[in-house]
Amino acid sequence: MKVILLQDVAKVGKKYNIKNVSDGFALNSLIPKKLAKMATAQAINELEILKEKNQMEIQQQEELAEKDIQMINETELIISTKTDDKGHLFAGIDKNLIIANFKDQKAVNLDPNSIVLEKPIKEIGEYEIIVKVGKSSGKFKLSVIAEK
């Protein structure tokens, strides 16, 4: 039986793929769980429209991300936090805190997965943070200072 996958299904295929599966698997598992629907002529036409719409949305998101990266590129973000007398932070600065400060200070929305940060920052100082969205990337300077 030919089905159109509505979600990624392990060992079967990716979302919007048309796959040939056994009748039992389709009728007893995929269709009742709303992971797939039967591949009728009308459903295939709807699929093509959905794919085009999905591509346009992805392209728009990439264009917005490119604009955000251009705004971010070579800017400076300052975060003040509590430290001990040796300059160590009481709480590490992670991706979510950086994104929250970008929203407050620069009015830029970012996805946490776009920031390249191997581990949380735990000391005061200046850091160069890389941002990657799709094919484009940029960097900004993060200054971590002691709260007074």
C-alpha atoms as a PDB file:
ATOM      1  CA  MET A   1       0.000   0.000   0.000  1.00  0.00           C
ATOM      2  CA  LYS A   2       1.285   3.460  -0.883  1.00  0.00           C
ATOM      3  CA  VAL A   3       1.199   5.984   1.966  1.00  0.00           C
ATOM      4  CA  ILE A   4       2.288   9.578   2.488  1.00  0.00           C
ATOM      5  CA  LEU A   5       4.272  10.021   5.682  1.00  0.00           C
ATOM      6  CA  LEU A   6       3.023  12.886   7.837  1.00  0.00           C
ATOM      7  CA  GLN A   7       5.991  12.670  10.237  1.00  0.00           C
ATOM      8  CA  ASP A   8       9.472  11.171  10.209  1.00  0.00           C
ATOM      9  CA  VAL A   9       9.142   7.436  10.870  1.00  0.00           C
ATOM     10  CA  ALA A  10      12.221   5.443  11.869  1.00  0.00           C
ATOM     11  CA  LYS A  11      13.286   2.823   9.317  1.00  0.00           C
ATOM     12  CA  VAL A  12      10.498   3.920   6.948  1.00  0.00           C
ATOM     13  CA  GLY A  13      11.163   7.464   5.736  1.00  0.00           C
ATOM     14  CA  LYS A  14      11.016  11.197   6.229  1.00  0.00           C
ATOM     15  CA  LYS A  15       8.041  13.532   6.444  1.00  0.00           C
ATOM     16  CA  TYR A  16       6.165  14.033   3.129  1.00  0.00           C
ATOM     17  CA  ASN A  17       7.796  10.994   1.478  1.00  0.00           C
ATOM     18  CA  ILE A  18       5.589   8.574  -0.462  1.00  0.00           C
ATOM     19  CA  LYS A  19       6.444   5.013   0.588  1.00  0.00           C
ATOM     20  CA  ASN A  20       5.269   1.532  -0.240  1.00  0.00           C
ATOM     21  CA  VAL A  21       4.586  -0.389   2.986  1.00  0.00           C
ATOM     22  CA  SER A  22       2.691  -3.554   3.814  1.00  0.00           C
ATOM     23  CA  ASP A  23      -1.073  -3.237   4.149  1.00  0.00           C
ATOM     24  CA  GLY A  24      -1.051  -4.450   7.753  1.00  0.00           C
ATOM     25  CA  PHE A  25       1.635  -1.989   8.830  1.00  0.00           C
ATOM     26  CA  ALA A  26      -0.202   0.894   7.198  1.00  0.00           C
ATOM     27  CA  LEU A  27      -3.686  -0.004   8.451  1.00  0.00           C
ATOM     28  CA  ASN A  28      -2.715  -1.146  11.947  1.00  0.00           C
ATOM     29  CA  SER A  29       0.089   1.226  12.837  1.00  0.00           C
ATOM     30  CA  LEU A  30       0.849   4.188  10.600  1.00  0.00           C
ATOM     31  CA  ILE A  31      -2.660   5.441   9.754  1.00  0.00           C
ATOM     32  CA  PRO A  32      -4.256   5.013  13.231  1.00  0.00           C
ATOM     33  CA  LYS A  33      -1.296   6.810  14.865  1.00  0.00           C
ATOM     34  CA  LYS A  34      -1.637   9.585  12.261  1.00  0.00           C
ATOM     35  CA  LEU A  35       1.927   9.029  11.067  1.00  0.00           C
ATOM     36  CA  ALA A  36       0.733   8.516   7.491  1.00  0.00           C
ATOM     37  CA  LYS A  37      -2.265   8.673   5.201  1.00  0.00           C
ATOM     38  CA  MET A  38      -3.194   6.742   2.078  1.00  0.00           C
ATOM     39  CA  ALA A  39      -1.577   8.058  -1.092  1.00  0.00           C
ATOM     40  CA  THR A  40      -4.600   8.859  -3.231  1.00  0.00           C
ATOM     41  CA  ALA A  41      -4.371  11.150  -6.251  1.00  0.00           C
ATOM     42  CA  GLN A  42      -5.948  14.009  -4.283  1.00  0.00           C
ATOM     43  CA  ALA A  43      -3.600  13.454  -1.322  1.00  0.00           C
ATOM     44  CA  ILE A  44      -0.560  13.528  -3.639  1.00  0.00           C
ATOM     45  CA  ASN A  45      -1.724  16.851  -5.123  1.00  0.00           C
ATOM     46  CA  GLU A  46      -2.197  18.253  -1.607  1.00  0.00           C
ATOM     47  CA  LEU A  47       1.277  16.978  -0.744  1.00  0.00           C
ATOM     48  CA  GLU A  48       2.847  18.930  -3.603  1.00  0.00           C
ATOM     49  CA  ILE A  49       1.137  22.118  -2.399  1.00  0.00           C
ATOM     50  CA  LEU A  50       2.305  21.441   1.176  1.00  0.00           C
ATOM     51  CA  LYS A  51       5.886  20.882   0.013  1.00  0.00           C
ATOM     52  CA  GLU A  52       5.911  24.194  -1.897  1.00  0.00           C
ATOM     53  CA  LYS A  53       4.460  26.034   1.091  1.00  0.00           C
ATOM     54  CA  ASN A  54       6.998  24.395   3.401  1.00  0.00           C
ATOM     55  CA  GLN A  55       9.886  25.388   1.094  1.00  0.00           C
ATOM     56  CA  MET A  56       8.686  28.999   1.017  1.00  0.00           C
ATOM     57  CA  GLU A  57       8.479  29.097   4.832  1.00  0.00           C
ATOM     58  CA  ILE A  58      11.988  27.676   5.157  1.00  0.00           C
ATOM     59  CA  GLN A  59      13.311  30.250   2.694  1.00  0.00           C
ATOM     60  CA  GLN A  60      11.638  33.101   4.605  1.00  0.00           C
ATOM     61  CA  GLN A  61      13.078  31.841   7.901  1.00  0.00           C
ATOM     62  CA  GLU A  62      16.562  31.699   6.370  1.00  0.00           C
ATOM     63  CA  GLU A  63      16.213  35.264   5.066  1.00  0.00           C
ATOM     64  CA  LEU A  64      15.123  36.504   8.508  1.00  0.00           C
ATOM     65  CA  ALA A  65      17.992  34.615  10.120  1.00  0.00           C
ATOM     66  CA  GLU A  66      20.428  36.215   7.656  1.00  0.00           C
ATOM     67  CA  LYS A  67      19.160  39.688   8.639  1.00  0.00           C
ATOM     68  CA  ASP A  68      19.496  38.824  12.340  1.00  0.00           C
ATOM     69  CA  ILE A  69      23.063  37.622  11.819  1.00  0.00           C
ATOM     70  CA  GLN A  70      23.957  40.831   9.989  1.00  0.00           C
ATOM     71  CA  MET A  71      22.582  42.807  12.947  1.00  0.00           C
ATOM     72  CA  ILE A  72      24.508  40.632  15.403  1.00  0.00           C
ATOM     73  CA  ASN A  73      27.790  40.591  13.510  1.00  0.00           C
ATOM     74  CA  GLU A  74      30.511  42.566  15.305  1.00  0.00           C
ATOM     75  CA  THR A  75      28.211  43.869  18.058  1.00  0.00           C
ATOM     76  CA  GLU A  76      28.950  43.748  21.764  1.00  0.00           C
ATOM     77  CA  LEU A  77      26.680  42.221  24.367  1.00  0.00           C
ATOM     78  CA  ILE A  78      27.269  43.036  28.033  1.00  0.00           C
ATOM     79  CA  ILE A  79      26.057  40.771  30.819  1.00  0.00           C
ATOM     80  CA  SER A  80      26.612  41.695  34.455  1.00  0.00           C
ATOM     81  CA  THR A  81      26.325  38.967  37.057  1.00  0.00           C
ATOM     82  CA  LYS A  82      27.335  38.111  40.609  1.00  0.00           C
ATOM     83  CA  THR A  83      30.906  36.935  41.090  1.00  0.00           C
ATOM     84  CA  ASP A  84      33.201  35.967  43.920  1.00  0.00           C
ATOM     85  CA  ASP A  85      36.396  37.878  44.709  1.00  0.00           C
ATOM     86  CA  LYS A  86      38.413  35.749  42.245  1.00  0.00           C
ATOM     87  CA  GLY A  87      36.176  36.584  39.262  1.00  0.00           C
ATOM     88  CA  HIS A  88      34.317  33.279  39.126  1.00  0.00           C
ATOM     89  CA  LEU A  89      30.590  33.442  38.432  1.00  0.00           C
ATOM     90  CA  PHE A  90      28.094  31.999  40.889  1.00  0.00           C
ATOM     91  CA  ALA A  91      25.940  30.784  37.971  1.00  0.00           C
ATOM     92  CA  GLY A  92      27.285  29.929  34.526  1.00  0.00           C
ATOM     93  CA  ILE A  93      26.137  31.889  31.481  1.00  0.00           C
ATOM     94  CA  ASP A  94      24.501  29.547  28.980  1.00  0.00           C
ATOM     95  CA  LYS A  95      22.820  29.915  25.577  1.00  0.00           C
ATOM     96  CA  ASN A  96      19.403  30.729  27.038  1.00  0.00           C
ATOM     97  CA  LEU A  97      20.752  33.602  29.146  1.00  0.00           C
ATOM     98  CA  ILE A  98      22.627  34.999  26.142  1.00  0.00           C
ATOM     99  CA  ILE A  99      19.451  34.860  24.043  1.00  0.00           C
ATOM    100  CA  ALA A 100      17.397  36.545  26.765  1.00  0.00           C
ATOM    101  CA  ASN A 101      19.942  39.368  26.967  1.00  0.00           C
ATOM    102  CA  PHE A 102      19.936  39.749  23.176  1.00  0.00           C
ATOM    103  CA  LYS A 103      16.161  40.176  23.280  1.00  0.00           C
ATOM    104  CA  ASP A 104      16.453  42.803  26.028  1.00  0.00           C
ATOM    105  CA  GLN A 105      19.465  44.759  24.760  1.00  0.00           C
ATOM    106  CA  LYS A 106      19.358  44.400  20.968  1.00  0.00           C
ATOM    107  CA  ALA A 107      15.734  43.319  20.228  1.00  0.00           C
ATOM    108  CA  VAL A 108      16.944  40.306  18.231  1.00  0.00           C
ATOM    109  CA  ASN A 109      15.310  36.883  18.499  1.00  0.00           C
ATOM    110  CA  LEU A 110      17.620  33.890  18.177  1.00  0.00           C
ATOM    111  CA  ASP A 111      17.243  30.156  18.416  1.00  0.00           C
ATOM    112  CA  PRO A 112      19.303  28.556  21.220  1.00  0.00           C
ATOM    113  CA  ASN A 113      20.664  25.997  18.745  1.00  0.00           C
ATOM    114  CA  SER A 114      22.172  28.763  16.606  1.00  0.00           C
ATOM    115  CA  ILE A 115      24.688  29.828  19.266  1.00  0.00           C
ATOM    116  CA  VAL A 116      27.923  27.828  19.272  1.00  0.00           C
ATOM    117  CA  LEU A 117      28.901  27.500  22.932  1.00  0.00           C
ATOM    118  CA  GLU A 118      30.729  24.369  24.039  1.00  0.00           C
ATOM    119  CA  LYS A 119      30.178  24.909  27.767  1.00  0.00           C
ATOM    120  CA  PRO A 120      28.693  27.624  29.985  1.00  0.00           C
ATOM    121  CA  ILE A 121      30.865  30.645  30.726  1.00  0.00           C
ATOM    122  CA  LYS A 122      31.987  30.691  34.360  1.00  0.00           C
ATOM    123  CA  GLU A 123      34.441  33.605  34.603  1.00  0.00           C
ATOM    124  CA  ILE A 124      34.336  37.340  33.938  1.00  0.00           C
ATOM    125  CA  GLY A 125      36.029  38.532  30.769  1.00  0.00           C
ATOM    126  CA  GLU A 126      35.476  39.016  27.065  1.00  0.00           C
ATOM    127  CA  TYR A 127      34.450  36.162  24.806  1.00  0.00           C
ATOM    128  CA  GLU A 128      33.899  35.819  21.070  1.00  0.00           C
ATOM    129  CA  ILE A 129      30.690  33.894  20.422  1.00  0.00           C
ATOM    130  CA  ILE A 130      29.865  32.352  17.037  1.00  0.00           C
ATOM    131  CA  VAL A 131      26.292  32.237  15.715  1.00  0.00           C
ATOM    132  CA  LYS A 132      25.364  29.821  12.917  1.00  0.00           C
ATOM    133  CA  VAL A 133      21.973  29.766  11.224  1.00  0.00           C
ATOM    134  CA  GLY A 134      21.644  27.574   8.166  1.00  0.00           C
ATOM    135  CA  LYS A 135      24.494  28.367   5.809  1.00  0.00           C
ATOM    136  CA  SER A 136      25.341  31.768   7.273  1.00  0.00           C
ATOM    137  CA  SER A 137      27.367  32.529  10.367  1.00  0.00           C
ATOM    138  CA  GLY A 138      28.503  35.544  12.348  1.00  0.00           C
ATOM    139  CA  LYS A 139      30.165  36.434  15.609  1.00  0.00           C
ATOM    140  CA  PHE A 140      29.792  38.910  18.403  1.00  0.00           C
ATOM    141  CA  LYS A 141      31.713  39.961  21.501  1.00  0.00           C
ATOM    142  CA  LEU A 142      30.296  39.002  24.880  1.00  0.00           C
ATOM    143  CA  SER A 143      31.566  40.972  27.863  1.00  0.00           C
ATOM    144  CA  VAL A 144      30.875  39.418  31.233  1.00  0.00           C
ATOM    145  CA  ILE A 145      31.324  41.928  34.055  1.00  0.00           C
ATOM    146  CA  ALA A 146      30.909  41.768  37.821  1.00  0.00           C
ATOM    147  CA  GLU A 147      27.660  43.100  39.219  1.00  0.00           C
ATOM    148  CA  LYS A 148      28.120  46.007  41.606  1.00  0.00           C
END
